[in-house]
Each structure stands twice: as structure tokens, then as C-alpha cells.
Amino acid sequence: MSIPLALFALITWASVEFYLRKKSVLWINEEGRPLRVTKLGAQRRLGFLGSIVLLLVPYLVANFSKQPSEPKEGSVGVNAPLIGVKIYGVERKHENDNDATKIMKQRLRADDYQPIVYSDLEELVDGVLRNLDEKRGIRELTLFGYGRQGLFTVGNGQGSTFEKLTYMDPRVLEDKQYLELLGHLKGRFLAGARVNLIGCYVGAEREGAELVFKLSKLLGTKVCAPIGMTFTEKYDGSWQAADPDMVVPPSPLEVPK
């Protein structure tokens, strides 16, 4: 018997006992022993107890008819996804891959990451959503792009002119169109999931800290970005990171010397 059910039964028993004592009289039998005799007739007493049982029936049905829940990887939101999906994304303009980048992508594919290719943020979001459904949530989203402190490309590539929806920085993340598109991904991440923005210097300095902080708030999951030049011998593996429960951006990290 569960604790709530036992507590409910105890309260019900105490209520019945109190009510019957209120409706009883004290009587001394021939042997001098005090007895309590109910003033309710047998039929009324039986009816009273029957009504209490009827009140218990819905509670019993509700508790014992519950199906055991399936194990979950965890999620953010009410309807928890059951299956974690790992996704990596590449810009269509991201063609000048060095050998290290190619090797990393090969490893991701071998580790069951689902690839997506996009030309802007709208196409990126659509590609992610195509890999999800009611039971599939994001375990990890790794995006490859170009960048600098606080800026990450999502379609622009190495172009010098930055068109809307082809890059992200702290300022454009306040734009209504950006907010609407990224809002489609919020609540689709499993608990403990993360977004990796793989681009040179993206997480560095104050701008990088603000970028990962704002994006983490919009997506509702952890966001990480490197602070050095990626896929080079000089890169020491340092990252900037922000969680959605942070109140202020993380402390800025300088570009490694």
C-alpha cells in the first residue's frame, strides 16, 4: 500500500470513528463495564460506511490503474522525449575544411550523429526539427561555422558581408525573427544536452560570453563555444560555456596567447 493511500485510509477511519462516537451514548452493563452504543440503526450505520467506501473507489481506481512510465533520458519541459538524437550541422559555404575538420566530421557520423546542411538559420532550424518527433529530443547539437569573438556564422561562411539569418551575435539574437525561429527549438533538448558552436574565437572575450549566455536562454540548454583558433596546433581546447539558469553572463575569457 502506498503512503498516500495509507494516509487516506487512516484519515477516513478516524473520521468514521469520531462521527460514530458523536452519535453514541455511554452505557454501563451488568458487569459494570462501560460500553458505547451507537444511536444509529444498523441500516443507517451500514449506509454510512458504504458511502465512505464509495468515496474510496475512485481513488483506488486512479492509483492502481496507472501504467508504469518508461525510463527517460530526461528533458526540459512537460512531455519528456524518450530518445536522444545527436546532430551536427554544416554551412553550405563551409567548403574549405582542413584535414582535422574532415576527420572530426567522419567521427561524428560514425558515432551516429545526424548531419544537416543549411544556408541560413531558418534552414538550420528546419533541418534539426526533421530529426525530431514526440519521442525524440536533442542530446547534442554541434554546429560548424566561422566566427570571431561573439559572432558565429550559420550560412554566411567566410563572406565579408553578413546578411540577416546567416550569422548570430548578441545583438541580432534580440531580433523578432531570430527569437521566433530559435523558439521552435526550445523545449526540444534533453536534460544535460548541449549546443557546441565550432568556430574560431566564438566564445572569447565579453562578446563571446554574451553570445553563449543569450543563446542558452533562448534554447533552454547549455551552449559552449571555443575561445581560440580551432583545429590548429595553437588551440588548447579552452571553451566558454553558459547554462540557461544563469542570471548574468559568465566571466569573459581572453583569447589564448
Protein backbone atom coordinates (compact mmCIF):
# COMPACT_ATOMS: atom_id res chain seq x y z
CA MET A 1 0.00 0.00 0.00
CA SER A 2 1.37 3.41 -0.95
CA ILE A 3 1.94 6.09 1.66
CA PRO A 4 -0.78 8.43 0.27
CA LEU A 5 -3.31 5.58 0.22
CA ALA A 6 -2.42 4.50 3.78
CA LEU A 7 -2.72 8.09 4.97
CA PHE A 8 -6.09 8.46 3.26
CA ALA A 9 -7.35 5.22 4.87
CA LEU A 10 -6.17 6.36 8.32
CA ILE A 11 -7.92 9.72 7.99
CA THR A 12 -11.10 8.00 6.78
CA TRP A 13 -11.07 5.53 9.69
CA ALA A 14 -10.51 8.34 12.20
CA SER A 15 -13.36 10.36 10.70
CA VAL A 16 -15.77 7.40 10.90
CA GLU A 17 -14.76 6.64 14.47
CA PHE A 18 -15.20 10.27 15.54
CA TYR A 19 -18.60 10.50 13.87
CA LEU A 20 -19.85 7.28 15.45
CA ARG A 21 -18.68 8.36 18.90
CA LYS A 22 -20.56 11.61 18.49
CA LYS A 23 -23.66 9.57 17.71
CA SER A 24 -23.27 7.14 20.61
CA VAL A 25 -24.14 7.05 24.33
CA LEU A 26 -22.19 5.65 27.25
CA TRP A 27 -23.90 2.66 28.92
CA ILE A 28 -22.80 0.56 31.91
CA ASN A 29 -23.53 -3.16 31.52
CA GLU A 30 -24.44 -5.63 34.28
CA GLU A 31 -20.78 -6.38 34.95
CA GLY A 32 -20.04 -2.67 35.50
CA ARG A 33 -18.05 -2.26 32.29
CA PRO A 34 -18.64 0.95 30.29
CA LEU A 35 -19.81 0.39 26.73
CA ARG A 36 -20.60 2.77 23.91
CA VAL A 37 -23.75 2.06 21.97
CA THR A 38 -24.43 3.83 18.69
CA LYS A 39 -27.67 5.72 18.37
CA LEU A 40 -27.66 4.93 14.63
CA GLY A 41 -29.64 1.96 13.47
CA ALA A 42 -27.83 -0.94 11.79
CA GLN A 43 -29.07 0.05 8.33
CA ARG A 44 -28.08 3.69 8.73
CA ARG A 45 -24.68 2.71 10.05
CA LEU A 46 -24.13 0.31 7.14
CA GLY A 47 -25.20 3.01 4.69
CA PHE A 48 -22.79 5.48 6.25
CA LEU A 49 -19.86 3.06 5.95
CA GLY A 50 -20.93 2.21 2.39
CA SER A 51 -20.76 5.85 1.39
CA ILE A 52 -17.20 6.04 2.73
CA VAL A 53 -16.23 3.01 0.63
CA LEU A 54 -17.75 4.61 -2.46
CA LEU A 55 -15.61 7.67 -1.83
CA LEU A 56 -12.53 5.44 -1.74
CA VAL A 57 -13.27 3.65 -5.03
CA PRO A 58 -12.27 6.49 -7.43
CA TYR A 59 -9.02 6.98 -5.51
CA LEU A 60 -8.20 3.27 -5.66
CA VAL A 61 -9.01 3.04 -9.37
CA ALA A 62 -6.91 6.10 -10.18
CA ASN A 63 -3.88 4.76 -8.32
CA PHE A 64 -3.90 1.11 -9.32
CA SER A 65 -4.79 1.68 -12.97
CA LYS A 66 -1.70 3.80 -13.64
CA GLN A 67 0.70 2.31 -16.18
CA PRO A 68 4.37 2.31 -15.21
CA SER A 69 6.24 5.05 -17.04
CA GLU A 70 9.02 4.21 -19.47
CA PRO A 71 12.56 5.15 -18.46
CA LYS A 72 13.53 8.58 -19.72
CA GLU A 73 16.82 10.16 -20.59
CA GLY A 74 15.42 13.34 -19.12
CA SER A 75 14.25 16.52 -20.78
CA VAL A 76 13.30 20.11 -20.39
CA GLY A 77 9.53 20.55 -20.45
CA VAL A 78 6.45 18.57 -19.52
CA ASN A 79 6.30 15.97 -22.29
CA ALA A 80 9.72 14.38 -21.95
CA PRO A 81 11.29 12.91 -25.10
CA LEU A 82 12.46 9.31 -24.66
CA ILE A 83 15.20 9.06 -27.31
CA GLY A 84 18.24 11.31 -27.55
CA VAL A 85 19.36 12.48 -31.01
CA LYS A 86 22.84 13.78 -31.80
CA ILE A 87 23.02 16.22 -34.72
CA TYR A 88 25.85 18.07 -36.41
CA GLY A 89 25.34 20.88 -38.88
CA VAL A 90 27.49 22.41 -41.61
CA GLU A 91 27.03 25.55 -43.71
CA ARG A 92 26.71 25.04 -47.45
CA LYS A 93 29.50 27.61 -47.85
CA HIS A 94 31.75 25.79 -45.38
CA GLU A 95 33.79 24.16 -48.12
CA ASN A 96 37.39 24.92 -47.12
CA ASP A 97 37.66 22.19 -44.48
CA ASN A 98 41.10 21.30 -43.27
CA ASP A 99 42.06 17.70 -42.59
CA ALA A 100 41.28 17.98 -38.86
CA THR A 101 37.74 19.20 -39.57
CA LYS A 102 37.11 16.39 -42.06
CA ILE A 103 38.32 13.79 -39.57
CA MET A 104 36.06 15.20 -36.84
CA LYS A 105 33.01 15.05 -39.11
CA GLN A 106 33.83 11.46 -40.03
CA ARG A 107 33.99 10.57 -36.36
CA LEU A 108 30.64 12.25 -35.70
CA ARG A 109 28.98 10.30 -38.50
CA ALA A 110 30.48 7.08 -37.15
CA ASP A 111 29.06 7.98 -33.71
CA ASP A 112 25.50 8.15 -35.13
CA TYR A 113 25.30 11.94 -35.43
CA GLN A 114 22.66 13.00 -37.94
CA PRO A 115 24.08 15.54 -40.46
CA ILE A 116 22.24 18.64 -41.66
CA VAL A 117 23.32 21.28 -44.19
CA TYR A 118 21.93 24.80 -44.30
CA SER A 119 22.27 28.23 -45.88
CA ASP A 120 20.66 30.26 -43.10
CA LEU A 121 19.14 29.98 -39.65
CA GLU A 122 15.68 29.07 -40.94
CA GLU A 123 17.05 26.14 -42.92
CA LEU A 124 19.15 25.11 -39.89
CA VAL A 125 16.11 25.00 -37.59
CA ASP A 126 14.08 23.07 -40.18
CA GLY A 127 16.89 20.54 -40.52
CA VAL A 128 17.03 19.98 -36.76
CA LEU A 129 13.26 19.59 -36.45
CA ARG A 130 13.17 16.99 -39.23
CA ASN A 131 15.22 14.72 -36.97
CA LEU A 132 12.79 15.06 -34.05
CA ASP A 133 9.31 13.87 -33.14
CA GLU A 134 7.26 13.33 -29.97
CA LYS A 135 9.68 10.72 -28.64
CA ARG A 136 12.96 12.11 -29.99
CA GLY A 137 14.74 15.05 -28.37
CA ILE A 138 18.15 16.64 -28.87
CA ARG A 139 21.02 15.18 -26.85
CA GLU A 140 23.71 17.20 -28.61
CA LEU A 141 23.76 19.77 -31.41
CA THR A 142 27.20 20.53 -32.87
CA LEU A 143 27.41 23.27 -35.49
CA PHE A 144 30.43 24.08 -37.65
CA GLY A 145 30.89 27.65 -38.82
CA TYR A 146 33.26 30.60 -38.98
CA GLY A 147 33.49 33.22 -36.35
CA ARG A 148 35.16 35.79 -34.22
CA GLN A 149 34.60 37.00 -30.68
CA GLY A 150 30.82 36.86 -30.11
CA LEU A 151 29.94 36.02 -33.74
CA PHE A 152 29.10 32.66 -35.33
CA THR A 153 28.06 32.05 -38.91
CA VAL A 154 25.07 29.88 -39.78
CA GLY A 155 25.15 30.24 -43.56
CA ASN A 156 27.34 33.23 -44.28
CA GLY A 157 30.57 31.25 -44.44
CA GLN A 158 33.71 33.37 -44.77
CA GLY A 159 31.90 36.12 -46.64
CA SER A 160 32.67 39.71 -45.66
CA THR A 161 29.03 40.84 -45.95
CA PHE A 162 26.77 39.47 -43.22
CA GLU A 163 23.18 39.03 -44.32
CA LYS A 164 20.33 38.56 -41.86
CA LEU A 165 19.80 34.99 -40.60
CA THR A 166 23.23 33.89 -41.84
CA TYR A 167 25.04 34.65 -38.56
CA MET A 168 24.43 35.07 -34.84
CA ASP A 169 25.75 37.63 -32.38
CA PRO A 170 24.35 39.08 -29.11
CA ARG A 171 22.67 41.97 -30.93
CA VAL A 172 20.81 40.07 -33.66
CA LEU A 173 19.59 37.47 -31.14
CA GLU A 174 17.19 40.18 -29.94
CA ASP A 175 15.61 40.43 -33.40
CA LYS A 176 12.00 39.20 -33.61
CA GLN A 177 12.72 36.82 -36.49
CA TYR A 178 15.65 35.23 -34.67
CA LEU A 179 13.58 34.85 -31.50
CA GLU A 180 10.74 33.17 -33.39
CA LEU A 181 12.98 30.71 -35.23
CA LEU A 182 15.05 29.71 -32.20
CA GLY A 183 11.86 29.43 -30.15
CA HIS A 184 10.93 26.34 -32.21
CA LEU A 185 13.89 24.51 -30.64
CA LYS A 186 13.25 25.46 -27.02
CA GLY A 187 11.93 22.52 -25.03
CA ARG A 188 13.30 20.01 -27.57
CA PHE A 189 16.55 19.37 -25.66
CA LEU A 190 17.04 16.52 -23.20
CA ALA A 191 18.28 17.24 -19.70
CA GLY A 192 22.05 17.55 -19.82
CA ALA A 193 22.07 18.35 -23.55
CA ARG A 194 24.40 20.93 -25.05
CA VAL A 195 24.95 23.02 -28.16
CA ASN A 196 28.51 23.32 -29.49
CA LEU A 197 29.38 26.25 -31.75
CA ILE A 198 32.59 25.15 -33.52
CA GLY A 199 34.17 28.32 -34.87
CA CYS A 200 37.39 30.23 -34.16
CA TYR A 201 37.28 32.61 -31.16
CA VAL A 202 33.45 32.49 -30.98
CA GLY A 203 33.32 32.22 -27.18
CA ALA A 204 36.18 34.62 -26.43
CA GLU A 205 36.08 37.98 -24.64
CA ARG A 206 32.96 39.79 -23.39
CA GLU A 207 31.13 39.39 -26.71
CA GLY A 208 31.61 35.61 -26.68
CA ALA A 209 30.32 35.33 -23.12
CA GLU A 210 27.21 37.34 -24.06
CA LEU A 211 26.58 35.20 -27.16
CA VAL A 212 26.59 31.84 -25.35
CA PHE A 213 24.59 33.36 -22.47
CA LYS A 214 21.80 34.75 -24.67
CA LEU A 215 21.64 31.68 -26.88
CA SER A 216 21.47 29.41 -23.83
CA LYS A 217 18.49 31.39 -22.54
CA LEU A 218 16.71 31.22 -25.91
CA LEU A 219 17.26 27.47 -26.37
CA GLY A 220 16.87 26.43 -22.73
CA THR A 221 20.04 24.33 -22.72
CA LYS A 222 23.80 24.60 -22.25
CA VAL A 223 25.74 26.37 -25.02
CA CYS A 224 29.52 26.11 -25.50
CA ALA A 225 31.97 27.82 -27.86
CA PRO A 226 35.78 27.71 -28.21
CA ILE A 227 37.85 30.79 -27.32
CA GLY A 228 40.82 30.04 -29.60
CA MET A 229 41.54 29.15 -33.20
CA THR A 230 40.05 25.71 -33.69
CA PHE A 231 41.72 22.74 -35.42
CA THR A 232 45.20 24.20 -35.14
CA GLU A 233 48.22 23.30 -33.05
CA LYS A 234 47.80 26.54 -31.08
CA TYR A 235 44.30 25.65 -29.86
CA ASP A 236 44.44 24.38 -26.27
CA GLY A 237 40.83 23.17 -26.11
CA SER A 238 39.50 26.02 -23.93
CA TRP A 239 35.76 26.74 -24.12
CA GLN A 240 33.31 29.33 -22.89
CA ALA A 241 30.00 27.92 -21.64
CA ALA A 242 26.66 29.13 -20.30
CA ASP A 243 23.67 27.39 -18.72
CA PRO A 244 20.06 28.60 -19.02
CA ASP A 245 19.70 29.06 -15.26
CA MET A 246 22.48 31.67 -15.15
CA VAL A 247 21.37 35.15 -14.09
CA VAL A 248 24.29 37.01 -15.67
CA PRO A 249 26.74 36.08 -18.45
CA PRO A 250 29.81 34.03 -17.48
CA SER A 251 33.10 35.78 -16.82
CA PRO A 252 34.82 36.68 -20.11
CA LEU A 253 37.73 34.52 -21.25
CA GLU A 254 40.60 36.04 -23.22
CA VAL A 255 41.91 34.63 -26.48
CA PRO A 256 44.78 32.23 -25.69
CA LYS A 257 48.20 33.74 -26.40
